[in-house]
Amino acid sequence: MSGAPRSGYRSLTAWQRAMDLVDAVYDASDGWPQREVFALTSQVRRAVVSVASNIAEGVGWSGKREYAHHISIAHGSLLETETLLTIARRRGFIDTATEENLLRASAEVGRLLNGLYRSLQ
């Protein structure tokens, strides 16, 4: 385990904004059709949770290479989240304004992940 305190990830702006995105996606998906609970709703929630979780997990690894790998996984999960949100809008589960707000928040997380990744190189 790295020398960083276990709660070190909580001070990262990338993790904090990813957690904000988790809350926003959960709120937005609360009203989706019941038939989607085990499909799109579950998938988008797993993807967005993976973003924050991989940031936190990366902090726990002892090397920069492993940490960067987890940041890369978080970025992939972020792109998956964005795709699922666009599907939700296309299916009429969220409106365009909601999609745009969520994608804007996602873009901020993406910028923070890119900066974190670059700092590990």
C-alpha atoms as a PDB file:
ATOM      1  CA  MET A   1       0.000   0.000   0.000  1.00  0.00           C
ATOM      2  CA  SER A   2       1.208   3.515  -0.719  1.00  0.00           C
ATOM      3  CA  GLY A   3       2.368   5.927   1.924  1.00  0.00           C
ATOM      4  CA  ALA A   4      -0.586   8.223   1.193  1.00  0.00           C
ATOM      5  CA  PRO A   5      -3.272   8.313   3.858  1.00  0.00           C
ATOM      6  CA  ARG A   6      -6.289   6.163   3.054  1.00  0.00           C
ATOM      7  CA  SER A   7      -8.491   9.247   2.850  1.00  0.00           C
ATOM      8  CA  GLY A   8      -6.055  10.996   0.488  1.00  0.00           C
ATOM      9  CA  TYR A   9      -8.372  10.440  -2.448  1.00  0.00           C
ATOM     10  CA  ARG A  10     -11.127  12.410  -0.697  1.00  0.00           C
ATOM     11  CA  SER A  11      -9.090  15.593  -1.031  1.00  0.00           C
ATOM     12  CA  LEU A  12      -8.762  15.165  -4.810  1.00  0.00           C
ATOM     13  CA  THR A  13     -10.963  17.548  -6.759  1.00  0.00           C
ATOM     14  CA  ALA A  14     -11.359  14.873  -9.447  1.00  0.00           C
ATOM     15  CA  TRP A  15     -12.838  12.457  -6.893  1.00  0.00           C
ATOM     16  CA  GLN A  16     -15.089  15.146  -5.391  1.00  0.00           C
ATOM     17  CA  ARG A  17     -16.480  16.148  -8.805  1.00  0.00           C
ATOM     18  CA  ALA A  18     -16.875  12.482  -9.764  1.00  0.00           C
ATOM     19  CA  MET A  19     -18.940  11.980  -6.597  1.00  0.00           C
ATOM     20  CA  ASP A  20     -21.051  15.015  -7.535  1.00  0.00           C
ATOM     21  CA  LEU A  21     -21.611  13.402 -10.932  1.00  0.00           C
ATOM     22  CA  VAL A  22     -22.661  10.152  -9.228  1.00  0.00           C
ATOM     23  CA  ASP A  23     -25.306  12.062  -7.293  1.00  0.00           C
ATOM     24  CA  ALA A  24     -26.517  13.880 -10.410  1.00  0.00           C
ATOM     25  CA  VAL A  25     -26.773  10.685 -12.478  1.00  0.00           C
ATOM     26  CA  TYR A  26     -28.616   8.870  -9.701  1.00  0.00           C
ATOM     27  CA  ASP A  27     -31.039  11.801  -9.390  1.00  0.00           C
ATOM     28  CA  ALA A  28     -31.579  11.955 -13.159  1.00  0.00           C
ATOM     29  CA  SER A  29     -32.141   8.205 -13.469  1.00  0.00           C
ATOM     30  CA  ASP A  30     -34.574   7.908 -10.540  1.00  0.00           C
ATOM     31  CA  GLY A  31     -37.571   8.460 -12.778  1.00  0.00           C
ATOM     32  CA  TRP A  32     -36.585   6.193 -15.629  1.00  0.00           C
ATOM     33  CA  PRO A  33     -39.053   3.461 -16.614  1.00  0.00           C
ATOM     34  CA  GLN A  34     -39.253   0.442 -14.328  1.00  0.00           C
ATOM     35  CA  ARG A  35     -38.430  -1.817 -17.281  1.00  0.00           C
ATOM     36  CA  GLU A  36     -34.971  -0.167 -17.397  1.00  0.00           C
ATOM     37  CA  VAL A  37     -34.034  -0.887 -13.760  1.00  0.00           C
ATOM     38  CA  PHE A  38     -31.943  -3.926 -14.704  1.00  0.00           C
ATOM     39  CA  ALA A  39     -30.808  -2.464 -18.009  1.00  0.00           C
ATOM     40  CA  LEU A  40     -29.891   1.155 -18.763  1.00  0.00           C
ATOM     41  CA  THR A  41     -30.488   2.481 -15.232  1.00  0.00           C
ATOM     42  CA  SER A  42     -28.256  -0.142 -13.674  1.00  0.00           C
ATOM     43  CA  GLN A  43     -25.606   0.218 -16.368  1.00  0.00           C
ATOM     44  CA  VAL A  44     -25.290   4.006 -16.173  1.00  0.00           C
ATOM     45  CA  ARG A  45     -25.139   3.879 -12.391  1.00  0.00           C
ATOM     46  CA  ARG A  46     -22.419   1.223 -12.431  1.00  0.00           C
ATOM     47  CA  ALA A  47     -20.418   3.218 -14.981  1.00  0.00           C
ATOM     48  CA  VAL A  48     -20.563   6.509 -13.075  1.00  0.00           C
ATOM     49  CA  VAL A  49     -19.763   4.797  -9.762  1.00  0.00           C
ATOM     50  CA  SER A  50     -16.757   3.220 -11.474  1.00  0.00           C
ATOM     51  CA  VAL A  51     -15.334   6.672 -12.219  1.00  0.00           C
ATOM     52  CA  ALA A  52     -15.117   7.708  -8.571  1.00  0.00           C
ATOM     53  CA  SER A  53     -14.206   4.201  -7.405  1.00  0.00           C
ATOM     54  CA  ASN A  54     -11.239   3.905  -9.764  1.00  0.00           C
ATOM     55  CA  ILE A  55      -9.894   7.284  -8.698  1.00  0.00           C
ATOM     56  CA  ALA A  56     -10.006   6.112  -5.083  1.00  0.00           C
ATOM     57  CA  GLU A  57      -8.585   2.687  -5.889  1.00  0.00           C
ATOM     58  CA  GLY A  58      -5.732   4.213  -7.853  1.00  0.00           C
ATOM     59  CA  VAL A  59      -4.607   6.165  -4.805  1.00  0.00           C
ATOM     60  CA  GLY A  60      -4.257   2.890  -2.919  1.00  0.00           C
ATOM     61  CA  TRP A  61      -1.638   1.472  -5.265  1.00  0.00           C
ATOM     62  CA  SER A  62       2.011   1.962  -4.472  1.00  0.00           C
ATOM     63  CA  GLY A  63       3.234   2.932  -7.909  1.00  0.00           C
ATOM     64  CA  LYS A  64       2.470   5.739 -10.310  1.00  0.00           C
ATOM     65  CA  ARG A  65       1.996   3.278 -13.159  1.00  0.00           C
ATOM     66  CA  GLU A  66      -0.822   1.438 -11.358  1.00  0.00           C
ATOM     67  CA  TYR A  67      -2.372   4.722 -10.270  1.00  0.00           C
ATOM     68  CA  ALA A  68      -2.301   6.035 -13.850  1.00  0.00           C
ATOM     69  CA  HIS A  69      -3.870   2.767 -15.033  1.00  0.00           C
ATOM     70  CA  HIS A  70      -6.821   3.273 -12.674  1.00  0.00           C
ATOM     71  CA  ILE A  71      -7.210   6.874 -13.809  1.00  0.00           C
ATOM     72  CA  SER A  72      -7.328   5.554 -17.370  1.00  0.00           C
ATOM     73  CA  ILE A  73     -10.052   3.082 -16.393  1.00  0.00           C
ATOM     74  CA  ALA A  74     -11.959   5.913 -14.698  1.00  0.00           C
ATOM     75  CA  HIS A  75     -11.781   7.904 -17.924  1.00  0.00           C
ATOM     76  CA  GLY A  76     -13.149   4.965 -19.911  1.00  0.00           C
ATOM     77  CA  SER A  77     -16.023   4.631 -17.455  1.00  0.00           C
ATOM     78  CA  LEU A  78     -16.684   8.351 -17.810  1.00  0.00           C
ATOM     79  CA  LEU A  79     -17.019   7.990 -21.580  1.00  0.00           C
ATOM     80  CA  GLU A  80     -19.314   5.005 -21.062  1.00  0.00           C
ATOM     81  CA  THR A  81     -21.444   7.143 -18.740  1.00  0.00           C
ATOM     82  CA  GLU A  82     -21.687   9.888 -21.363  1.00  0.00           C
ATOM     83  CA  THR A  83     -22.755   7.374 -24.024  1.00  0.00           C
ATOM     84  CA  LEU A  84     -25.418   5.902 -21.749  1.00  0.00           C
ATOM     85  CA  LEU A  85     -26.744   9.377 -20.940  1.00  0.00           C
ATOM     86  CA  THR A  86     -27.044  10.127 -24.646  1.00  0.00           C
ATOM     87  CA  ILE A  87     -28.932   6.860 -25.118  1.00  0.00           C
ATOM     88  CA  ALA A  88     -31.230   7.881 -22.259  1.00  0.00           C
ATOM     89  CA  ARG A  89     -31.927  11.208 -23.943  1.00  0.00           C
ATOM     90  CA  ARG A  90     -32.527   9.532 -27.317  1.00  0.00           C
ATOM     91  CA  ARG A  91     -34.971   7.135 -25.647  1.00  0.00           C
ATOM     92  CA  GLY A  92     -36.778  10.061 -24.006  1.00  0.00           C
ATOM     93  CA  PHE A  93     -35.774   9.237 -20.417  1.00  0.00           C
ATOM     94  CA  ILE A  94     -34.112  12.632 -19.913  1.00  0.00           C
ATOM     95  CA  ASP A  95     -34.535  15.913 -21.737  1.00  0.00           C
ATOM     96  CA  THR A  96     -31.841  17.718 -23.708  1.00  0.00           C
ATOM     97  CA  ALA A  97     -31.178  20.251 -20.941  1.00  0.00           C
ATOM     98  CA  THR A  98     -30.577  17.486 -18.398  1.00  0.00           C
ATOM     99  CA  GLU A  99     -28.281  15.649 -20.791  1.00  0.00           C
ATOM    100  CA  GLU A 100     -26.319  18.841 -21.473  1.00  0.00           C
ATOM    101  CA  ASN A 101     -25.927  19.572 -17.753  1.00  0.00           C
ATOM    102  CA  LEU A 102     -24.735  16.045 -17.050  1.00  0.00           C
ATOM    103  CA  LEU A 103     -22.346  16.077 -20.013  1.00  0.00           C
ATOM    104  CA  ARG A 104     -20.965  19.431 -18.865  1.00  0.00           C
ATOM    105  CA  ALA A 105     -20.297  17.975 -15.408  1.00  0.00           C
ATOM    106  CA  SER A 106     -18.760  14.915 -17.044  1.00  0.00           C
ATOM    107  CA  ALA A 107     -16.480  17.091 -19.175  1.00  0.00           C
ATOM    108  CA  GLU A 108     -15.209  18.790 -16.020  1.00  0.00           C
ATOM    109  CA  VAL A 109     -14.422  15.408 -14.467  1.00  0.00           C
ATOM    110  CA  GLY A 110     -12.695  14.430 -17.708  1.00  0.00           C
ATOM    111  CA  ARG A 111     -10.474  17.515 -17.623  1.00  0.00           C
ATOM    112  CA  LEU A 112      -9.547  16.771 -14.021  1.00  0.00           C
ATOM    113  CA  LEU A 113      -8.774  13.144 -14.852  1.00  0.00           C
ATOM    114  CA  ASN A 114      -6.588  14.229 -17.754  1.00  0.00           C
ATOM    115  CA  GLY A 115      -4.656  16.566 -15.476  1.00  0.00           C
ATOM    116  CA  LEU A 116      -4.256  13.867 -12.852  1.00  0.00           C
ATOM    117  CA  TYR A 117      -3.105  11.381 -15.483  1.00  0.00           C
ATOM    118  CA  ARG A 118      -0.548  13.845 -16.878  1.00  0.00           C
ATOM    119  CA  SER A 119       0.793  14.491 -13.376  1.00  0.00           C
ATOM    120  CA  LEU A 120       1.501  10.779 -13.025  1.00  0.00           C
ATOM    121  CA  GLN A 121       3.522  10.553 -16.249  1.00  0.00           C
END
